[in-house]
C-alpha atoms as a PDB file:
ATOM      1  CA  MET A   1    -146.965-102.134 138.493  1.00  0.00           C
ATOM      2  CA  GLN A   2    -146.202-103.144 142.105  1.00  0.00           C
ATOM      3  CA  PRO A   3    -147.083-106.900 142.774  1.00  0.00           C
ATOM      4  CA  ALA A   4    -149.870-107.540 145.395  1.00  0.00           C
ATOM      5  CA  PRO A   5    -148.581-108.067 148.835  1.00  0.00           C
ATOM      6  CA  ALA A   6    -149.407-111.921 148.865  1.00  0.00           C
ATOM      7  CA  GLU A   7    -147.243-112.296 145.650  1.00  0.00           C
ATOM      8  CA  ARG A   8    -144.582-109.892 146.736  1.00  0.00           C
ATOM      9  CA  ASP A   9    -144.464-111.940 150.068  1.00  0.00           C
ATOM     10  CA  ALA A  10    -144.033-115.334 148.394  1.00  0.00           C
ATOM     11  CA  THR A  11    -141.277-114.067 146.122  1.00  0.00           C
ATOM     12  CA  GLU A  12    -139.253-111.733 148.891  1.00  0.00           C
ATOM     13  CA  THR A  13    -136.260-113.459 150.273  1.00  0.00           C
ATOM     14  CA  TRP A  14    -134.437-112.251 152.970  1.00  0.00           C
ATOM     15  CA  TRP A  15    -130.942-112.936 154.594  1.00  0.00           C
ATOM     16  CA  VAL A  16    -130.095-112.266 158.406  1.00  0.00           C
ATOM     17  CA  GLN A  17    -126.470-111.437 159.541  1.00  0.00           C
ATOM     18  CA  ALA A  18    -125.382-113.046 162.791  1.00  0.00           C
ATOM     19  CA  LYS A  19    -121.909-112.729 164.229  1.00  0.00           C
ATOM     20  CA  GLY A  20    -120.459-112.096 160.696  1.00  0.00           C
ATOM     21  CA  ALA A  21    -122.250-114.826 158.877  1.00  0.00           C
ATOM     22  CA  ALA A  22    -125.187-114.522 156.531  1.00  0.00           C
ATOM     23  CA  TYR A  23    -128.128-116.912 157.188  1.00  0.00           C
ATOM     24  CA  GLY A  24    -131.228-117.495 154.848  1.00  0.00           C
ATOM     25  CA  PRO A  25    -132.825-117.122 152.401  1.00  0.00           C
ATOM     26  CA  TYR A  26    -136.115-116.665 154.588  1.00  0.00           C
ATOM     27  CA  THR A  27    -139.491-115.476 153.479  1.00  0.00           C
ATOM     28  CA  ARG A  28    -141.084-112.490 155.007  1.00  0.00           C
ATOM     29  CA  ALA A  29    -143.486-114.528 157.224  1.00  0.00           C
ATOM     30  CA  GLN A  30    -140.274-116.412 158.448  1.00  0.00           C
ATOM     31  CA  LEU A  31    -138.862-112.883 159.189  1.00  0.00           C
ATOM     32  CA  GLU A  32    -141.801-111.696 160.943  1.00  0.00           C
ATOM     33  CA  ARG A  33    -141.906-115.080 163.082  1.00  0.00           C
ATOM     34  CA  PHE A  34    -138.172-114.503 163.870  1.00  0.00           C
ATOM     35  CA  VAL A  35    -138.959-110.864 164.955  1.00  0.00           C
ATOM     36  CA  GLY A  36    -141.852-112.090 167.055  1.00  0.00           C
ATOM     37  CA  GLU A  37    -139.542-114.754 168.798  1.00  0.00           C
ATOM     38  CA  GLY A  38    -136.933-112.076 169.440  1.00  0.00           C
ATOM     39  CA  ARG A  39    -134.145-113.748 166.996  1.00  0.00           C
ATOM     40  CA  VAL A  40    -134.237-110.770 164.766  1.00  0.00           C
ATOM     41  CA  ARG A  41    -134.010-107.449 166.679  1.00  0.00           C
ATOM     42  CA  ALA A  42    -134.421-103.705 165.211  1.00  0.00           C
ATOM     43  CA  ALA A  43    -130.546-103.379 165.023  1.00  0.00           C
ATOM     44  CA  THR A  44    -130.075-107.018 163.306  1.00  0.00           C
ATOM     45  CA  LEU A  45    -128.552-106.685 159.908  1.00  0.00           C
ATOM     46  CA  ILE A  46    -130.681-107.880 157.097  1.00  0.00           C
ATOM     47  CA  SER A  47    -130.444-107.819 153.500  1.00  0.00           C
ATOM     48  CA  THR A  48    -132.253-108.943 150.350  1.00  0.00           C
ATOM     49  CA  ARG A  49    -128.991-110.200 148.898  1.00  0.00           C
ATOM     50  CA  ARG A  50    -126.722-112.934 150.379  1.00  0.00           C
ATOM     51  CA  ASP A  51    -123.490-110.876 149.583  1.00  0.00           C
ATOM     52  CA  GLY A  52    -124.063-107.130 150.719  1.00  0.00           C
ATOM     53  CA  GLY A  53    -126.882-104.358 151.004  1.00  0.00           C
ATOM     54  CA  TRP A  54    -126.880-104.765 154.849  1.00  0.00           C
ATOM     55  CA  ARG A  55    -128.972-102.541 156.948  1.00  0.00           C
ATOM     56  CA  GLU A  56    -130.757-102.575 160.321  1.00  0.00           C
ATOM     57  CA  ALA A  57    -133.979-104.437 160.190  1.00  0.00           C
ATOM     58  CA  ARG A  58    -135.542-101.466 161.692  1.00  0.00           C
ATOM     59  CA  GLY A  59    -134.447 -99.331 158.648  1.00  0.00           C
ATOM     60  CA  ALA A  60    -136.118-101.613 155.965  1.00  0.00           C
ATOM     61  CA  PRO A  61    -139.364 -99.806 154.765  1.00  0.00           C
ATOM     62  CA  GLU A  62    -140.648-103.169 153.771  1.00  0.00           C
ATOM     63  CA  LEU A  63    -140.449-104.324 157.170  1.00  0.00           C
ATOM     64  CA  ALA A  64    -142.092-101.108 158.729  1.00  0.00           C
ATOM     65  CA  GLY A  65    -144.295-101.665 161.745  1.00  0.00           C
ATOM     66  CA  LEU A  66    -142.611-104.857 162.831  1.00  0.00           C
ATOM     67  CA  PHE A  67    -140.636-103.216 165.535  1.00  0.00           C
ATOM     68  CA  ALA A  68    -143.191-101.043 166.990  1.00  0.00           C
ATOM     69  CA  ALA A  69    -144.006-103.559 169.633  1.00  0.00           C
ATOM     70  CA  PRO A  70    -143.038-102.695 173.193  1.00  0.00           C
ATOM     71  CA  ALA A  71    -139.570-103.730 174.454  1.00  0.00           C
ATOM     72  CA  PRO A  72    -139.140-107.400 175.672  1.00  0.00           C
ATOM     73  CA  ALA A  73    -139.991-108.008 179.427  1.00  0.00           C
ATOM     74  CA  PRO A  74    -136.966-107.716 181.543  1.00  0.00           C
ATOM     75  CA  ALA A  75    -135.312-110.850 182.748  1.00  0.00           C
ATOM     76  CA  ALA A  76    -136.155-112.514 185.759  1.00  0.00           C
ATOM     77  CA  GLY A  77    -135.036-110.752 188.946  1.00  0.00           C
ATOM     78  CA  PHE A  78    -134.696-107.346 187.111  1.00  0.00           C
ATOM     79  CA  ALA A  79    -136.711-104.661 188.531  1.00  0.00           C
ATOM     80  CA  PRO A  80    -136.896-101.494 186.513  1.00  0.00           C
ATOM     81  CA  GLY A  81    -136.823 -98.030 188.000  1.00  0.00           C
ATOM     82  CA  LYS A  82    -135.080 -95.124 189.029  1.00  0.00           C
ATOM     83  CA  VAL A  83    -131.902 -96.058 190.523  1.00  0.00           C
ATOM     84  CA  GLY A  84    -129.993 -92.946 189.872  1.00  0.00           C
ATOM     85  CA  GLU A  85    -128.924 -90.450 187.114  1.00  0.00           C
ATOM     86  CA  PRO A  86    -128.572 -91.649 183.766  1.00  0.00           C
ATOM     87  CA  ALA A  87    -125.121 -93.046 182.999  1.00  0.00           C
ATOM     88  CA  ASN A  88    -123.121 -94.531 180.203  1.00  0.00           C
ATOM     89  CA  LEU A  89    -122.018 -97.890 180.495  1.00  0.00           C
ATOM     90  CA  PHE A  90    -120.204-100.221 178.299  1.00  0.00           C
ATOM     91  CA  VAL A  91    -121.026-104.164 178.291  1.00  0.00           C
ATOM     92  CA  PHE A  92    -118.263-106.716 176.938  1.00  0.00           C
ATOM     93  CA  THR A  93    -119.368-110.053 176.556  1.00  0.00           C
ATOM     94  CA  GLU A  94    -118.221-113.650 175.465  1.00  0.00           C
ATOM     95  CA  ILE A  95    -121.324-115.997 175.286  1.00  0.00           C
ATOM     96  CA  HIS A  96    -120.510-119.563 174.192  1.00  0.00           C
ATOM     97  CA  TYR A  97    -123.026-121.391 176.213  1.00  0.00           C
ATOM     98  CA  GLY A  98    -125.872-119.092 177.589  1.00  0.00           C
ATOM     99  CA  ALA A  99    -129.156-118.040 176.110  1.00  0.00           C
ATOM    100  CA  TRP A 100    -128.107-115.237 173.655  1.00  0.00           C
ATOM    101  CA  MET A 101    -131.698-113.894 173.169  1.00  0.00           C
ATOM    102  CA  GLN A 102    -132.435-113.784 176.684  1.00  0.00           C
ATOM    103  CA  PHE A 103    -129.296-111.937 177.397  1.00  0.00           C
ATOM    104  CA  MET A 104    -130.164-109.458 174.583  1.00  0.00           C
ATOM    105  CA  ALA A 105    -133.756-109.023 175.811  1.00  0.00           C
ATOM    106  CA  ALA A 106    -132.348-108.280 179.499  1.00  0.00           C
ATOM    107  CA  LEU A 107    -129.860-105.589 177.895  1.00  0.00           C
ATOM    108  CA  GLU A 108    -132.596-104.210 175.608  1.00  0.00           C
ATOM    109  CA  ALA A 109    -134.981-103.751 178.588  1.00  0.00           C
ATOM    110  CA  MET A 110    -132.327-101.677 180.661  1.00  0.00           C
ATOM    111  CA  GLY A 111    -132.160 -98.926 178.466  1.00  0.00           C
ATOM    112  CA  ARG A 112    -130.856 -97.573 175.298  1.00  0.00           C
ATOM    113  CA  ILE A 113    -128.218 -99.637 173.629  1.00  0.00           C
ATOM    114  CA  ALA A 114    -126.025 -99.513 170.620  1.00  0.00           C
ATOM    115  CA  GLU A 115    -123.938-102.600 169.454  1.00  0.00           C
ATOM    116  CA  LEU A 116    -120.320-101.151 168.837  1.00  0.00           C
ATOM    117  CA  ALA A 117    -118.899-104.447 167.644  1.00  0.00           C
ATOM    118  CA  PRO A 118    -119.738-108.124 168.186  1.00  0.00           C
ATOM    119  CA  GLY A 119    -120.067-108.773 171.889  1.00  0.00           C
ATOM    120  CA  PHE A 120    -119.454-104.777 172.842  1.00  0.00           C
ATOM    121  CA  TRP A 121    -122.368-102.520 173.435  1.00  0.00           C
ATOM    122  CA  ILE A 122    -122.911 -99.070 175.011  1.00  0.00           C
ATOM    123  CA  LEU A 123    -125.792 -98.708 177.306  1.00  0.00           C
ATOM    124  CA  ARG A 124    -127.432 -95.617 178.588  1.00  0.00           C
ATOM    125  CA  THR A 125    -129.198 -96.296 181.757  1.00  0.00           C
ATOM    126  CA  ARG A 126    -130.245 -95.405 185.299  1.00  0.00           C
ATOM    127  CA  LEU A 127    -128.978 -98.699 186.647  1.00  0.00           C
ATOM    128  CA  SER A 128    -125.722 -99.415 188.527  1.00  0.00           C
ATOM    129  CA  SER A 129    -123.034-101.533 186.911  1.00  0.00           C
ATOM    130  CA  GLY A 130    -123.838-103.876 189.625  1.00  0.00           C
ATOM    131  CA  ALA A 131    -127.439-103.954 188.973  1.00  0.00           C
ATOM    132  CA  VAL A 132    -126.617-104.669 185.198  1.00  0.00           C
ATOM    133  CA  ARG A 133    -124.233-107.406 186.153  1.00  0.00           C
ATOM    134  CA  ASN A 134    -126.838-109.026 188.192  1.00  0.00           C
ATOM    135  CA  ALA A 135    -129.770-109.120 185.864  1.00  0.00           C
ATOM    136  CA  LEU A 136    -127.434-109.971 182.673  1.00  0.00           C
ATOM    137  CA  SER A 137    -125.838-112.883 184.838  1.00  0.00           C
ATOM    138  CA  GLN A 138    -129.065-114.455 185.325  1.00  0.00           C
ATOM    139  CA  THR A 139    -129.213-115.109 181.349  1.00  0.00           C
ATOM    140  CA  LEU A 140    -125.799-116.976 181.151  1.00  0.00           C
ATOM    141  CA  ALA A 141    -124.231-120.221 181.680  1.00  0.00           C
ATOM    142  CA  SER A 142    -120.940-120.999 183.645  1.00  0.00           C
ATOM    143  CA  GLY A 143    -118.683-120.809 180.582  1.00  0.00           C
ATOM    144  CA  ASP A 144    -119.765-117.278 179.604  1.00  0.00           C
ATOM    145  CA  ARG A 145    -118.361-114.096 180.834  1.00  0.00           C
ATOM    146  CA  PHE A 146    -118.765-110.321 180.650  1.00  0.00           C
ATOM    147  CA  VAL A 147    -117.796-107.120 182.156  1.00  0.00           C
ATOM    148  CA  VAL A 148    -119.577-103.770 182.760  1.00  0.00           C
ATOM    149  CA  VAL A 149    -117.664-100.559 182.901  1.00  0.00           C
ATOM    150  CA  ASP A 150    -119.631 -97.521 184.269  1.00  0.00           C
ATOM    151  CA  ALA A 151    -118.077 -94.742 182.185  1.00  0.00           C
ATOM    152  CA  THR A 152    -119.950 -92.087 184.015  1.00  0.00           C
ATOM    153  CA  ARG A 153    -119.746 -93.176 187.717  1.00  0.00           C
ATOM    154  CA  ASP A 154    -116.295 -94.752 187.321  1.00  0.00           C
ATOM    155  CA  ARG A 155    -117.458 -98.227 188.500  1.00  0.00           C
ATOM    156  CA  LEU A 156    -116.733-101.740 187.094  1.00  0.00           C
ATOM    157  CA  ALA A 157    -118.715-105.071 187.493  1.00  0.00           C
ATOM    158  CA  TRP A 158    -118.000-108.586 185.900  1.00  0.00           C
ATOM    159  CA  PHE A 159    -119.259-111.982 185.731  1.00  0.00           C
ATOM    160  CA  ASN A 160    -117.256-115.160 185.603  1.00  0.00           C
ATOM    161  CA  MET A 161    -114.198-113.793 184.701  1.00  0.00           C
ATOM    162  CA  GLY A 162    -112.086-116.284 186.908  1.00  0.00           C
ATOM    163  CA  PRO A 163    -109.455-115.769 189.784  1.00  0.00           C
ATOM    164  CA  GLY A 164    -106.684-114.759 187.774  1.00  0.00           C
ATOM    165  CA  PRO A 165    -108.560-111.863 185.778  1.00  0.00           C
ATOM    166  CA  GLU A 166    -110.353-110.840 188.813  1.00  0.00           C
ATOM    167  CA  VAL A 167    -107.261-110.208 190.727  1.00  0.00           C
ATOM    168  CA  ALA A 168    -105.678-108.387 187.789  1.00  0.00           C
ATOM    169  CA  ILE A 169    -108.783-106.355 187.320  1.00  0.00           C
ATOM    170  CA  ARG A 170    -108.739-105.279 191.044  1.00  0.00           C
ATOM    171  CA  GLU A 171    -105.115-104.395 190.913  1.00  0.00           C
ATOM    172  CA  VAL A 172    -105.116-102.184 188.065  1.00  0.00           C
ATOM    173  CA  TRP A 173    -108.547-100.595 188.589  1.00  0.00           C
ATOM    174  CA  ASN A 174    -107.721 -99.714 192.047  1.00  0.00           C
ATOM    175  CA  GLY A 175    -103.824 -99.722 191.493  1.00  0.00           C
ATOM    176  CA  ASP A 176    -101.265 -96.722 191.536  1.00  0.00           C
ATOM    177  CA  LEU A 177    -100.474 -95.314 188.251  1.00  0.00           C
ATOM    178  CA  ASP A 178     -96.760 -95.316 188.962  1.00  0.00           C
ATOM    179  CA  GLN A 179     -96.454 -99.001 189.543  1.00  0.00           C
ATOM    180  CA  ARG A 180     -95.484-100.424 186.273  1.00  0.00           C
ATOM    181  CA  GLY A 181     -93.982-103.763 187.339  1.00  0.00           C
END
């Protein structure tokens, strides 16, 4: 016999994985609040055990319906719309000081994403790499940085890489293949 929903919610405990660490235990009510705040997203790894059984939150039947809400609002200054043909972009980021949740909300609002590794996503969007850079940079602080590689249109954009890396990027991206220094 299944416990009543109120009884089950009181005894259910959940763990959330963030940047390779397990956090919890949390009740279902706490998890629902985290979803509403954007702290737990559809692709966030969760489990009912601290030491394994991780799955994406959207794949947990116990949490069905929590992710049916519309996508988060775009970041300030981001105007969605048809900019061009669909393209595949890779986004690499290093966030130390910025607002992680605002960054993710802006990224998710731009199109379809999949996290390939911590800080590394593929994005399917109609936006240019420059438009993606401009929108994402508004969510970060001066110590954060990222690179956007447009694999479809052969374009590159970056934020806050510093003078040395910026020179290297330009030399390699636009450089002659036969120059091996």
